[in-house]
Structures are given as structure tokens and as C-alpha cells.
Amino acid sequence: MKRRYKEGDWFRIALDAQYDAIGVIARGCRSRLFGYFFAVPAQSAVSHDDLKALKPAGAAACALFGGAALEDLRWKTIATSVPFDREAWPFPQFASRGAFGRTWSRRTY
């Protein structure tokens, strides 16, 4: 199946009756993605100017995730042409603990 997303694309996720999430793909490698997510009132309109004003520091969450929901159109792509500066959207380091150990290690992707 053809990928329906790329770095810098914005998408919307319906959460519940009160809130939706707006996400941006900050990094992508095949179907492994990293993005920032912002809470918005459900059913509210979001303009390109609104998206340009969002910054990583204001994100409700940032996470690694798969692309299946975008590929299957369960998450609606809302913008593909908003200017995106990769350097302004950093990829953080993560901590990981082995399945059977107590030792944590830092992971850089």
C-alpha cells in the first residue's frame, strides 16, 4: 500500500466528545513515525495559521507510533503544505529498560 504521509504532515485524531488531537509527523522512517500531539476542542476548525503557531513546547504529548492509522485513513490528514522546519521540531532521546532487567539505558534514534 502506498504511504499517505510524510514528515511535516498534520493529521487529526477523534478522541471523545470533548477533544480531538492534532498531530504532526516530525520524523518518519517507513511506517515508524515520531510526532507531536496537541489537544483541541472536538469539531473545531483548525486553519493553516493555527498549525503554524503550534510549537513543540506546547504539545500535550510526543511519541513514536506506527503509520497504519494514517494508511488506513482512520486518522484524517488535514494539511500537507504547511511549511515545516525539521530543526524546530527536535527528536528527543528515550529511555529503555530491558525486558528482564532493572537497568535503564538512553536510546537515541
PDB file of N, CA and C in Angstrom:
ATOM      1  N   MET A   1       0.841  -1.181   0.000  1.00  0.00           N
ATOM      2  CA  MET A   1       0.000   0.000   0.000  1.00  0.00           C
ATOM      3  C   MET A   1       0.886   1.246   0.000  1.00  0.00           C
ATOM      4  N   LYS A   2       0.476   2.236  -0.756  1.00  0.00           N
ATOM      5  CA  LYS A   2       1.222   3.487  -0.848  1.00  0.00           C
ATOM      6  C   LYS A   2       1.108   4.271   0.460  1.00  0.00           C
ATOM      7  N   ARG A   3       2.250   4.795   0.925  1.00  0.00           N
ATOM      8  CA  ARG A   3       2.217   5.630   2.115  1.00  0.00           C
ATOM      9  C   ARG A   3       1.448   6.912   1.817  1.00  0.00           C
ATOM     10  N   ARG A   4       0.623   7.319   2.757  1.00  0.00           N
ATOM     11  CA  ARG A   4      -0.198   8.512   2.593  1.00  0.00           C
ATOM     12  C   ARG A   4       0.278   9.637   3.499  1.00  0.00           C
ATOM     13  N   TYR A   5       1.545   9.645   3.860  1.00  0.00           N
ATOM     14  CA  TYR A   5       2.033  10.645   4.803  1.00  0.00           C
ATOM     15  C   TYR A   5       3.512  10.883   4.577  1.00  0.00           C
ATOM     16  N   LYS A   6       3.990  12.015   5.138  1.00  0.00           N
ATOM     17  CA  LYS A   6       5.406  12.357   5.081  1.00  0.00           C
ATOM     18  C   LYS A   6       5.710  13.304   6.234  1.00  0.00           C
ATOM     19  N   GLU A   7       6.966  13.514   6.488  1.00  0.00           N
ATOM     20  CA  GLU A   7       7.403  14.449   7.517  1.00  0.00           C
ATOM     21  C   GLU A   7       6.778  15.817   7.245  1.00  0.00           C
ATOM     22  N   GLY A   8       6.234  16.425   8.295  1.00  0.00           N
ATOM     23  CA  GLY A   8       5.598  17.735   8.165  1.00  0.00           C
ATOM     24  C   GLY A   8       4.105  17.683   7.916  1.00  0.00           C
ATOM     25  N   ASP A   9       3.543  16.490   7.703  1.00  0.00           N
ATOM     26  CA  ASP A   9       2.094  16.371   7.519  1.00  0.00           C
ATOM     27  C   ASP A   9       1.389  16.488   8.869  1.00  0.00           C
ATOM     28  N   TRP A  10       0.228  17.115   8.847  1.00  0.00           N
ATOM     29  CA  TRP A  10      -0.606  17.288  10.033  1.00  0.00           C
ATOM     30  C   TRP A  10      -1.838  16.408   9.887  1.00  0.00           C
ATOM     31  N   PHE A  11      -2.284  15.832  11.002  1.00  0.00           N
ATOM     32  CA  PHE A  11      -3.445  14.944  10.972  1.00  0.00           C
ATOM     33  C   PHE A  11      -4.279  15.152  12.225  1.00  0.00           C
ATOM     34  N   ARG A  12      -5.520  14.670  12.158  1.00  0.00           N
ATOM     35  CA  ARG A  12      -6.464  14.839  13.263  1.00  0.00           C
ATOM     36  C   ARG A  12      -6.945  13.475  13.722  1.00  0.00           C
ATOM     37  N   ILE A  13      -7.034  13.314  15.047  1.00  0.00           N
ATOM     38  CA  ILE A  13      -7.487  12.066  15.659  1.00  0.00           C
ATOM     39  C   ILE A  13      -8.694  12.388  16.542  1.00  0.00           C
ATOM     40  N   ALA A  14      -9.830  11.772  16.265  1.00  0.00           N
ATOM     41  CA  ALA A  14     -11.003  11.942  17.120  1.00  0.00           C
ATOM     42  C   ALA A  14     -10.771  11.175  18.418  1.00  0.00           C
ATOM     43  N   LEU A  15     -10.884  11.859  19.554  1.00  0.00           N
ATOM     44  CA  LEU A  15     -10.650  11.209  20.843  1.00  0.00           C
ATOM     45  C   LEU A  15     -11.950  10.908  21.577  1.00  0.00           C
ATOM     46  N   ASP A  16     -12.742  11.934  21.839  1.00  0.00           N
ATOM     47  CA  ASP A  16     -14.010  11.754  22.536  1.00  0.00           C
ATOM     48  C   ASP A  16     -14.915  12.928  22.176  1.00  0.00           C
ATOM     49  N   ALA A  17     -16.015  13.101  22.886  1.00  0.00           N
ATOM     50  CA  ALA A  17     -16.967  14.158  22.568  1.00  0.00           C
ATOM     51  C   ALA A  17     -16.406  15.556  22.828  1.00  0.00           C
ATOM     52  N   GLN A  18     -15.393  15.656  23.697  1.00  0.00           N
ATOM     53  CA  GLN A  18     -14.868  16.972  24.050  1.00  0.00           C
ATOM     54  C   GLN A  18     -13.588  17.349  23.318  1.00  0.00           C
ATOM     55  N   TYR A  19     -12.716  16.377  23.053  1.00  0.00           N
ATOM     56  CA  TYR A  19     -11.406  16.698  22.494  1.00  0.00           C
ATOM     57  C   TYR A  19     -11.021  15.820  21.308  1.00  0.00           C
ATOM     58  N   ASP A  20     -10.256  16.438  20.427  1.00  0.00           N
ATOM     59  CA  ASP A  20      -9.550  15.734  19.371  1.00  0.00           C
ATOM     60  C   ASP A  20      -8.066  16.001  19.600  1.00  0.00           C
ATOM     61  N   ALA A  21      -7.236  15.278  18.896  1.00  0.00           N
ATOM     62  CA  ALA A  21      -5.793  15.548  18.910  1.00  0.00           C
ATOM     63  C   ALA A  21      -5.383  15.955  17.502  1.00  0.00           C
ATOM     64  N   ILE A  22      -4.520  16.937  17.432  1.00  0.00           N
ATOM     65  CA  ILE A  22      -3.883  17.328  16.179  1.00  0.00           C
ATOM     66  C   ILE A  22      -2.444  16.853  16.300  1.00  0.00           C
ATOM     67  N   GLY A  23      -1.961  16.129  15.309  1.00  0.00           N
ATOM     68  CA  GLY A  23      -0.592  15.626  15.336  1.00  0.00           C
ATOM     69  C   GLY A  23       0.186  16.086  14.125  1.00  0.00           C
ATOM     70  N   VAL A  24       1.496  16.170  14.297  1.00  0.00           N
ATOM     71  CA  VAL A  24       2.390  16.465  13.181  1.00  0.00           C
ATOM     72  C   VAL A  24       3.472  15.402  13.142  1.00  0.00           C
ATOM     73  N   ILE A  25       3.795  14.922  11.959  1.00  0.00           N
ATOM     74  CA  ILE A  25       4.874  13.958  11.807  1.00  0.00           C
ATOM     75  C   ILE A  25       6.189  14.724  11.790  1.00  0.00           C
ATOM     76  N   ALA A  26       6.982  14.554  12.845  1.00  0.00           N
ATOM     77  CA  ALA A  26       8.263  15.261  12.946  1.00  0.00           C
ATOM     78  C   ALA A  26       9.410  14.449  12.346  1.00  0.00           C
ATOM     79  N   ARG A  27       9.285  13.133  12.350  1.00  0.00           N
ATOM     80  CA  ARG A  27      10.284  12.254  11.739  1.00  0.00           C
ATOM     81  C   ARG A  27       9.563  11.023  11.199  1.00  0.00           C
ATOM     82  N   GLY A  28      10.097  10.462  10.137  1.00  0.00           N
ATOM     83  CA  GLY A  28       9.497   9.273   9.580  1.00  0.00           C
ATOM     84  C   GLY A  28      10.536   8.376   8.938  1.00  0.00           C
ATOM     85  N   CYS A  29      10.407   7.097   9.187  1.00  0.00           N
ATOM     86  CA  CYS A  29      11.254   6.090   8.566  1.00  0.00           C
ATOM     87  C   CYS A  29      10.342   4.911   8.250  1.00  0.00           C
ATOM     88  N   ARG A  30       9.951   4.803   7.003  1.00  0.00           N
ATOM     89  CA  ARG A  30       8.958   3.810   6.581  1.00  0.00           C
ATOM     90  C   ARG A  30       7.682   4.027   7.377  1.00  0.00           C
ATOM     91  N   SER A  31       7.216   3.015   8.094  1.00  0.00           N
ATOM     92  CA  SER A  31       5.982   3.196   8.855  1.00  0.00           C
ATOM     93  C   SER A  31       6.240   3.479  10.334  1.00  0.00           C
ATOM     94  N   ARG A  32       7.508   3.678  10.719  1.00  0.00           N
ATOM     95  CA  ARG A  32       7.817   4.106  12.090  1.00  0.00           C
ATOM     96  C   ARG A  32       7.911   5.623  12.082  1.00  0.00           C
ATOM     97  N   LEU A  33       7.072   6.242  12.905  1.00  0.00           N
ATOM     98  CA  LEU A  33       6.959   7.692  12.894  1.00  0.00           C
ATOM     99  C   LEU A  33       7.151   8.248  14.295  1.00  0.00           C
ATOM    100  N   PHE A  34       7.524   9.516  14.350  1.00  0.00           N
ATOM    101  CA  PHE A  34       7.596  10.243  15.610  1.00  0.00           C
ATOM    102  C   PHE A  34       6.837  11.538  15.409  1.00  0.00           C
ATOM    103  N   GLY A  35       5.994  11.883  16.373  1.00  0.00           N
ATOM    104  CA  GLY A  35       5.224  13.110  16.221  1.00  0.00           C
ATOM    105  C   GLY A  35       4.903  13.790  17.524  1.00  0.00           C
ATOM    106  N   TYR A  36       4.437  15.009  17.363  1.00  0.00           N
ATOM    107  CA  TYR A  36       3.950  15.834  18.469  1.00  0.00           C
ATOM    108  C   TYR A  36       2.436  15.918  18.348  1.00  0.00           C
ATOM    109  N   PHE A  37       1.745  15.918  19.507  1.00  0.00           N
ATOM    110  CA  PHE A  37       0.289  15.898  19.541  1.00  0.00           C
ATOM    111  C   PHE A  37      -0.237  17.038  20.414  1.00  0.00           C
ATOM    112  N   PHE A  38      -1.300  17.686  19.942  1.00  0.00           N
ATOM    113  CA  PHE A  38      -1.894  18.842  20.606  1.00  0.00           C
ATOM    114  C   PHE A  38      -3.385  18.590  20.798  1.00  0.00           C
ATOM    115  N   ALA A  39      -3.919  18.962  21.965  1.00  0.00           N
ATOM    116  CA  ALA A  39      -5.344  18.809  22.241  1.00  0.00           C
ATOM    117  C   ALA A  39      -6.088  20.022  21.692  1.00  0.00           C
ATOM    118  N   VAL A  40      -7.209  19.752  21.024  1.00  0.00           N
ATOM    119  CA  VAL A  40      -8.084  20.813  20.515  1.00  0.00           C
ATOM    120  C   VAL A  40      -9.527  20.408  20.798  1.00  0.00           C
ATOM    121  N   PRO A  41     -10.419  21.397  20.926  1.00  0.00           N
ATOM    122  CA  PRO A  41     -11.828  21.040  21.115  1.00  0.00           C
ATOM    123  C   PRO A  41     -12.343  20.217  19.930  1.00  0.00           C
ATOM    124  N   ALA A  42     -13.146  19.215  20.227  1.00  0.00           N
ATOM    125  CA  ALA A  42     -13.706  18.364  19.170  1.00  0.00           C
ATOM    126  C   ALA A  42     -14.503  19.209  18.187  1.00  0.00           C
ATOM    127  N   GLN A  43     -14.396  18.866  16.927  1.00  0.00           N
ATOM    128  CA  GLN A  43     -15.140  19.510  15.847  1.00  0.00           C
ATOM    129  C   GLN A  43     -14.744  20.960  15.581  1.00  0.00           C
ATOM    130  N   SER A  44     -13.717  21.481  16.259  1.00  0.00           N
ATOM    131  CA  SER A  44     -13.292  22.863  15.999  1.00  0.00           C
ATOM    132  C   SER A  44     -12.496  22.916  14.700  1.00  0.00           C
ATOM    133  N   ALA A  45     -12.633  24.021  13.999  1.00  0.00           N
ATOM    134  CA  ALA A  45     -11.873  24.226  12.767  1.00  0.00           C
ATOM    135  C   ALA A  45     -10.442  24.611  13.125  1.00  0.00           C
ATOM    136  N   VAL A  46      -9.487  24.091  12.370  1.00  0.00           N
ATOM    137  CA  VAL A  46      -8.069  24.409  12.580  1.00  0.00           C
ATOM    138  C   VAL A  46      -7.512  24.879  11.236  1.00  0.00           C
ATOM    139  N   SER A  47      -7.023  26.123  11.205  1.00  0.00           N
ATOM    140  CA  SER A  47      -6.503  26.693   9.965  1.00  0.00           C
ATOM    141  C   SER A  47      -4.999  26.437   9.833  1.00  0.00           C
ATOM    142  N   HIS A  48      -4.460  26.705   8.656  1.00  0.00           N
ATOM    143  CA  HIS A  48      -3.013  26.593   8.462  1.00  0.00           C
ATOM    144  C   HIS A  48      -2.284  27.563   9.382  1.00  0.00           C
ATOM    145  N   ASP A  49      -2.842  28.741   9.613  1.00  0.00           N
ATOM    146  CA  ASP A  49      -2.216  29.692  10.547  1.00  0.00           C
ATOM    147  C   ASP A  49      -2.195  29.132  11.967  1.00  0.00           C
ATOM    148  N   ASP A  50      -3.269  28.442  12.361  1.00  0.00           N
ATOM    149  CA  ASP A  50      -3.299  27.798  13.678  1.00  0.00           C
ATOM    150  C   ASP A  50      -2.180  26.760  13.783  1.00  0.00           C
ATOM    151  N   LEU A  51      -1.995  25.969  12.728  1.00  0.00           N
ATOM    152  CA  LEU A  51      -0.960  24.934  12.740  1.00  0.00           C
ATOM    153  C   LEU A  51       0.431  25.562  12.789  1.00  0.00           C
ATOM    154  N   LYS A  52       0.655  26.622  12.024  1.00  0.00           N
ATOM    155  CA  LYS A  52       1.961  27.300  12.022  1.00  0.00           C
ATOM    156  C   LYS A  52       2.311  27.858  13.392  1.00  0.00           C
ATOM    157  N   ALA A  53       1.298  28.219  14.189  1.00  0.00           N
ATOM    158  CA  ALA A  53       1.527  28.802  15.511  1.00  0.00           C
ATOM    159  C   ALA A  53       1.887  27.753  16.568  1.00  0.00           C
ATOM    160  N   LEU A  54       1.617  26.483  16.314  1.00  0.00           N
ATOM    161  CA  LEU A  54       1.922  25.434  17.299  1.00  0.00           C
ATOM    162  C   LEU A  54       3.420  25.190  17.369  1.00  0.00           C
ATOM    163  N   LYS A  55       3.905  24.954  18.592  1.00  0.00           N
ATOM    164  CA  LYS A  55       5.321  24.710  18.857  1.00  0.00           C
ATOM    165  C   LYS A  55       5.473  23.457  19.711  1.00  0.00           C
ATOM    166  N   PRO A  56       6.613  22.775  19.617  1.00  0.00           N
ATOM    167  CA  PRO A  56       6.817  21.548  20.401  1.00  0.00           C
ATOM    168  C   PRO A  56       6.590  21.731  21.905  1.00  0.00           C
ATOM    169  N   ALA A  57       6.965  22.868  22.448  1.00  0.00           N
ATOM    170  CA  ALA A  57       6.813  23.094  23.893  1.00  0.00           C
ATOM    171  C   ALA A  57       5.349  23.075  24.327  1.00  0.00           C
ATOM    172  N   GLY A  58       4.428  23.333  23.424  1.00  0.00           N
ATOM    173  CA  GLY A  58       3.011  23.344  23.763  1.00  0.00           C
ATOM    174  C   GLY A  58       2.309  22.017  23.539  1.00  0.00           C
ATOM    175  N   ALA A  59       3.046  21.008  23.137  1.00  0.00           N
ATOM    176  CA  ALA A  59       2.444  19.708  22.848  1.00  0.00           C
ATOM    177  C   ALA A  59       1.958  19.027  24.122  1.00  0.00           C
ATOM    178  N   ALA A  60       0.828  18.358  24.014  1.00  0.00           N
ATOM    179  CA  ALA A  60       0.311  17.560  25.127  1.00  0.00           C
ATOM    180  C   ALA A  60       1.076  16.250  25.242  1.00  0.00           C
ATOM    181  N   ALA A  61       1.639  15.783  24.121  1.00  0.00           N
ATOM    182  CA  ALA A  61       2.400  14.529  24.103  1.00  0.00           C
ATOM    183  C   ALA A  61       3.295  14.498  22.876  1.00  0.00           C
ATOM    184  N   CYS A  62       4.352  13.704  22.977  1.00  0.00           N
ATOM    185  CA  CYS A  62       5.163  13.375  21.802  1.00  0.00           C
ATOM    186  C   CYS A  62       5.454  11.885  21.907  1.00  0.00           C
ATOM    187  N   ALA A  63       5.460  11.200  20.762  1.00  0.00           N
ATOM    188  CA  ALA A  63       5.553   9.742  20.825  1.00  0.00           C
ATOM    189  C   ALA A  63       6.014   9.139  19.503  1.00  0.00           C
ATOM    190  N   LEU A  64       6.575   7.939  19.624  1.00  0.00           N
ATOM    191  CA  LEU A  64       6.804   7.083  18.470  1.00  0.00           C
ATOM    192  C   LEU A  64       5.488   6.352  18.190  1.00  0.00           C
ATOM    193  N   PHE A  65       5.136   6.188  16.920  1.00  0.00           N
ATOM    194  CA  PHE A  65       3.901   5.493  16.588  1.00  0.00           C
ATOM    195  C   PHE A  65       4.004   4.911  15.185  1.00  0.00           C
ATOM    196  N   GLY A  66       3.093   4.032  14.864  1.00  0.00           N
ATOM    197  CA  GLY A  66       3.071   3.408  13.545  1.00  0.00           C
ATOM    198  C   GLY A  66       2.199   4.182  12.576  1.00  0.00           C
ATOM    199  N   GLY A  67       2.379   3.920  11.306  1.00  0.00           N
ATOM    200  CA  GLY A  67       1.646   4.639  10.277  1.00  0.00           C
ATOM    201  C   GLY A  67       0.351   3.991   9.835  1.00  0.00           C
ATOM    202  N   ALA A  68      -0.028   2.852  10.410  1.00  0.00           N
ATOM    203  CA  ALA A  68      -1.214   2.125   9.941  1.00  0.00           C
ATOM    204  C   ALA A  68      -2.485   2.972   9.995  1.00  0.00           C
ATOM    205  N   ALA A  69      -2.676   3.747  11.042  1.00  0.00           N
ATOM    206  CA  ALA A  69      -3.896   4.555  11.159  1.00  0.00           C
ATOM    207  C   ALA A  69      -3.978   5.609  10.061  1.00  0.00           C
ATOM    208  N   LEU A  70      -2.828   6.140   9.640  1.00  0.00           N
ATOM    209  CA  LEU A  70      -2.806   7.093   8.525  1.00  0.00           C
ATOM    210  C   LEU A  70      -3.027   6.373   7.199  1.00  0.00           C
ATOM    211  N   GLU A  71      -2.394   5.222   7.041  1.00  0.00           N
ATOM    212  CA  GLU A  71      -2.537   4.444   5.808  1.00  0.00           C
ATOM    213  C   GLU A  71      -3.970   3.973   5.606  1.00  0.00           C
ATOM    214  N   ASP A  72      -4.622   3.590   6.698  1.00  0.00           N
ATOM    215  CA  ASP A  72      -5.998   3.100   6.631  1.00  0.00           C
ATOM    216  C   ASP A  72      -7.027   4.225   6.675  1.00  0.00           C
ATOM    217  N   LEU A  73      -6.554   5.467   6.726  1.00  0.00           N
ATOM    218  CA  LEU A  73      -7.400   6.665   6.759  1.00  0.00           C
ATOM    219  C   LEU A  73      -8.266   6.760   8.012  1.00  0.00           C
ATOM    220  N   ARG A  74      -7.840   6.114   9.105  1.00  0.00           N
ATOM    221  CA  ARG A  74      -8.553   6.268  10.378  1.00  0.00           C
ATOM    222  C   ARG A  74      -8.209   7.608  11.014  1.00  0.00           C
ATOM    223  N   TRP A  75      -6.993   8.100  10.757  1.00  0.00           N
ATOM    224  CA  TRP A  75      -6.592   9.439  11.180  1.00  0.00           C
ATOM    225  C   TRP A  75      -6.599  10.299   9.931  1.00  0.00           C
ATOM    226  N   LYS A  76      -7.345  11.382   9.972  1.00  0.00           N
ATOM    227  CA  LYS A  76      -7.541  12.217   8.788  1.00  0.00           C
ATOM    228  C   LYS A  76      -6.387  13.207   8.621  1.00  0.00           C
ATOM    229  N   THR A  77      -5.753  13.190   7.460  1.00  0.00           N
ATOM    230  CA  THR A  77      -4.716  14.179   7.145  1.00  0.00           C
ATOM    231  C   THR A  77      -5.416  15.512   6.900  1.00  0.00           C
ATOM    232  N   ILE A  78      -4.951  16.571   7.588  1.00  0.00           N
ATOM    233  CA  ILE A  78      -5.605  17.875   7.466  1.00  0.00           C
ATOM    234  C   ILE A  78      -4.730  18.916   6.775  1.00  0.00           C
ATOM    235  N   ALA A  79      -3.416  18.684   6.674  1.00  0.00           N
ATOM    236  CA  ALA A  79      -2.547  19.641   5.992  1.00  0.00           C
ATOM    237  C   ALA A  79      -1.264  18.942   5.557  1.00  0.00           C
ATOM    238  N   THR A  80      -0.858  19.209   4.320  1.00  0.00           N
ATOM    239  CA  THR A  80       0.381  18.639   3.803  1.00  0.00           C
ATOM    240  C   THR A  80       1.317  19.704   3.258  1.00  0.00           C
ATOM    241  N   SER A  81       0.883  20.960   3.284  1.00  0.00           N
ATOM    242  CA  SER A  81       1.692  22.016   2.675  1.00  0.00           C
ATOM    243  C   SER A  81       2.061  23.145   3.626  1.00  0.00           C
ATOM    244  N   VAL A  82       1.875  22.954   4.936  1.00  0.00           N
ATOM    245  CA  VAL A  82       2.300  23.952   5.909  1.00  0.00           C
ATOM    246  C   VAL A  82       3.824  23.883   6.002  1.00  0.00           C
ATOM    247  N   PRO A  83       4.526  25.021   5.884  1.00  0.00           N
ATOM    248  CA  PRO A  83       5.997  24.972   5.982  1.00  0.00           C
ATOM    249  C   PRO A  83       6.440  24.259   7.264  1.00  0.00           C
ATOM    250  N   PHE A  84       7.420  23.371   7.127  1.00  0.00           N
ATOM    251  CA  PHE A  84       7.889  22.572   8.260  1.00  0.00           C
ATOM    252  C   PHE A  84       9.401  22.678   8.358  1.00  0.00           C
ATOM    253  N   ASP A  85       9.887  23.168   9.503  1.00  0.00           N
ATOM    254  CA  ASP A  85      11.322  23.283   9.771  1.00  0.00           C
ATOM    255  C   ASP A  85      11.717  22.149  10.706  1.00  0.00           C
ATOM    256  N   ARG A  86      12.361  21.160  10.178  1.00  0.00           N
ATOM    257  CA  ARG A  86      12.755  19.965  10.937  1.00  0.00           C
ATOM    258  C   ARG A  86      13.552  20.310  12.195  1.00  0.00           C
ATOM    259  N   GLU A  87      14.412  21.292  12.124  1.00  0.00           N
ATOM    260  CA  GLU A  87      15.242  21.677  13.274  1.00  0.00           C
ATOM    261  C   GLU A  87      14.415  22.256  14.420  1.00  0.00           C
ATOM    262  N   ALA A  88      13.273  22.823  14.120  1.00  0.00           N
ATOM    263  CA  ALA A  88      12.410  23.405  15.155  1.00  0.00           C
ATOM    264  C   ALA A  88      11.610  22.338  15.901  1.00  0.00           C
ATOM    265  N   TRP A  89      11.589  21.117  15.361  1.00  0.00           N
ATOM    266  CA  TRP A  89      10.828  20.010  15.952  1.00  0.00           C
ATOM    267  C   TRP A  89      11.806  18.884  16.300  1.00  0.00           C
ATOM    268  N   PRO A  90      12.487  18.976  17.447  1.00  0.00           N
ATOM    269  CA  PRO A  90      13.550  18.019  17.776  1.00  0.00           C
ATOM    270  C   PRO A  90      13.049  16.613  18.062  1.00  0.00           C
ATOM    271  N   PHE A  91      13.941  15.680  17.840  1.00  0.00           N
ATOM    272  CA  PHE A  91      13.698  14.275  18.152  1.00  0.00           C
ATOM    273  C   PHE A  91      14.387  13.992  19.484  1.00  0.00           C
ATOM    274  N   PRO A  92      13.635  13.759  20.558  1.00  0.00           N
ATOM    275  CA  PRO A  92      14.250  13.588  21.878  1.00  0.00           C
ATOM    276  C   PRO A  92      14.923  12.231  22.046  1.00  0.00           C
ATOM    277  N   GLN A  93      15.708  12.125  23.093  1.00  0.00           N
ATOM    278  CA  GLN A  93      16.250  10.826  23.475  1.00  0.00           C
ATOM    279  C   GLN A  93      15.199  10.119  24.322  1.00  0.00           C
ATOM    280  N   PHE A  94      15.209   8.801  24.261  1.00  0.00           N
ATOM    281  CA  PHE A  94      14.259   7.997  25.010  1.00  0.00           C
ATOM    282  C   PHE A  94      15.009   7.113  25.996  1.00  0.00           C
ATOM    283  N   ALA A  95      14.309   6.683  27.042  1.00  0.00           N
ATOM    284  CA  ALA A  95      14.866   5.724  27.987  1.00  0.00           C
ATOM    285  C   ALA A  95      14.224   4.370  27.724  1.00  0.00           C
ATOM    286  N   SER A  96      15.013   3.320  27.907  1.00  0.00           N
ATOM    287  CA  SER A  96      14.515   1.969  27.666  1.00  0.00           C
ATOM    288  C   SER A  96      15.048   1.044  28.749  1.00  0.00           C
ATOM    289  N   ARG A  97      14.205   0.128  29.176  1.00  0.00           N
ATOM    290  CA  ARG A  97      14.627  -0.853  30.166  1.00  0.00           C
ATOM    291  C   ARG A  97      14.494  -2.225  29.539  1.00  0.00           C
ATOM    292  N   GLY A  98      15.498  -3.039  29.721  1.00  0.00           N
ATOM    293  CA  GLY A  98      15.463  -4.399  29.187  1.00  0.00           C
ATOM    294  C   GLY A  98      14.283  -5.176  29.747  1.00  0.00           C
ATOM    295  N   ALA A  99      13.804  -6.157  29.017  1.00  0.00           N
ATOM    296  CA  ALA A  99      12.625  -6.925  29.409  1.00  0.00           C
ATOM    297  C   ALA A  99      12.785  -7.622  30.753  1.00  0.00           C
ATOM    298  N   PHE A 100      14.015  -8.037  31.096  1.00  0.00           N
ATOM    299  CA  PHE A 100      14.217  -8.777  32.341  1.00  0.00           C
ATOM    300  C   PHE A 100      15.145  -8.084  33.316  1.00  0.00           C
ATOM    301  N   GLY A 101      15.531  -6.873  33.025  1.00  0.00           N
ATOM    302  CA  GLY A 101      16.500  -6.201  33.883  1.00  0.00           C
ATOM    303  C   GLY A 101      15.933  -4.983  34.581  1.00  0.00           C
ATOM    304  N   ARG A 102      16.736  -4.435  35.448  1.00  0.00           N
ATOM    305  CA  ARG A 102      16.360  -3.223  36.157  1.00  0.00           C
ATOM    306  C   ARG A 102      17.134  -2.017  35.630  1.00  0.00           C
ATOM    307  N   THR A 103      18.024  -2.257  34.709  1.00  0.00           N
ATOM    308  CA  THR A 103      18.882  -1.200  34.207  1.00  0.00           C
ATOM    309  C   THR A 103      18.197  -0.439  33.074  1.00  0.00           C
ATOM    310  N   TRP A 104      18.207   0.862  33.197  1.00  0.00           N
ATOM    311  CA  TRP A 104      17.665   1.728  32.159  1.00  0.00           C
ATOM    312  C   TRP A 104      18.809   2.214  31.279  1.00  0.00           C
ATOM    313  N   SER A 105      18.548   2.382  30.002  1.00  0.00           N
ATOM    314  CA  SER A 105      19.564   2.928  29.105  1.00  0.00           C
ATOM    315  C   SER A 105      18.920   4.006  28.235  1.00  0.00           C
ATOM    316  N   ARG A 106      19.761   4.927  27.788  1.00  0.00           N
ATOM    317  CA  ARG A 106      19.309   6.001  26.926  1.00  0.00           C
ATOM    318  C   ARG A 106      19.369   5.523  25.482  1.00  0.00           C
ATOM    319  N   ARG A 107      18.299   5.812  24.747  1.00  0.00           N
ATOM    320  CA  ARG A 107      18.234   5.426  23.333  1.00  0.00           C
ATOM    321  C   ARG A 107      18.144   6.688  22.484  1.00  0.00           C
ATOM    322  N   THR A 108      18.990   6.750  21.505  1.00  0.00           N
ATOM    323  CA  THR A 108      18.947   7.841  20.532  1.00  0.00           C
ATOM    324  C   THR A 108      18.649   7.227  19.179  1.00  0.00           C
ATOM    325  N   TYR A 109      17.606   7.703  18.533  1.00  0.00           N
ATOM    326  CA  TYR A 109      17.215   7.176  17.228  1.00  0.00           C
ATOM    327  C   TYR A 109      17.710   8.089  16.138  1.00  0.00           C
TER     328      TYR A 109
END
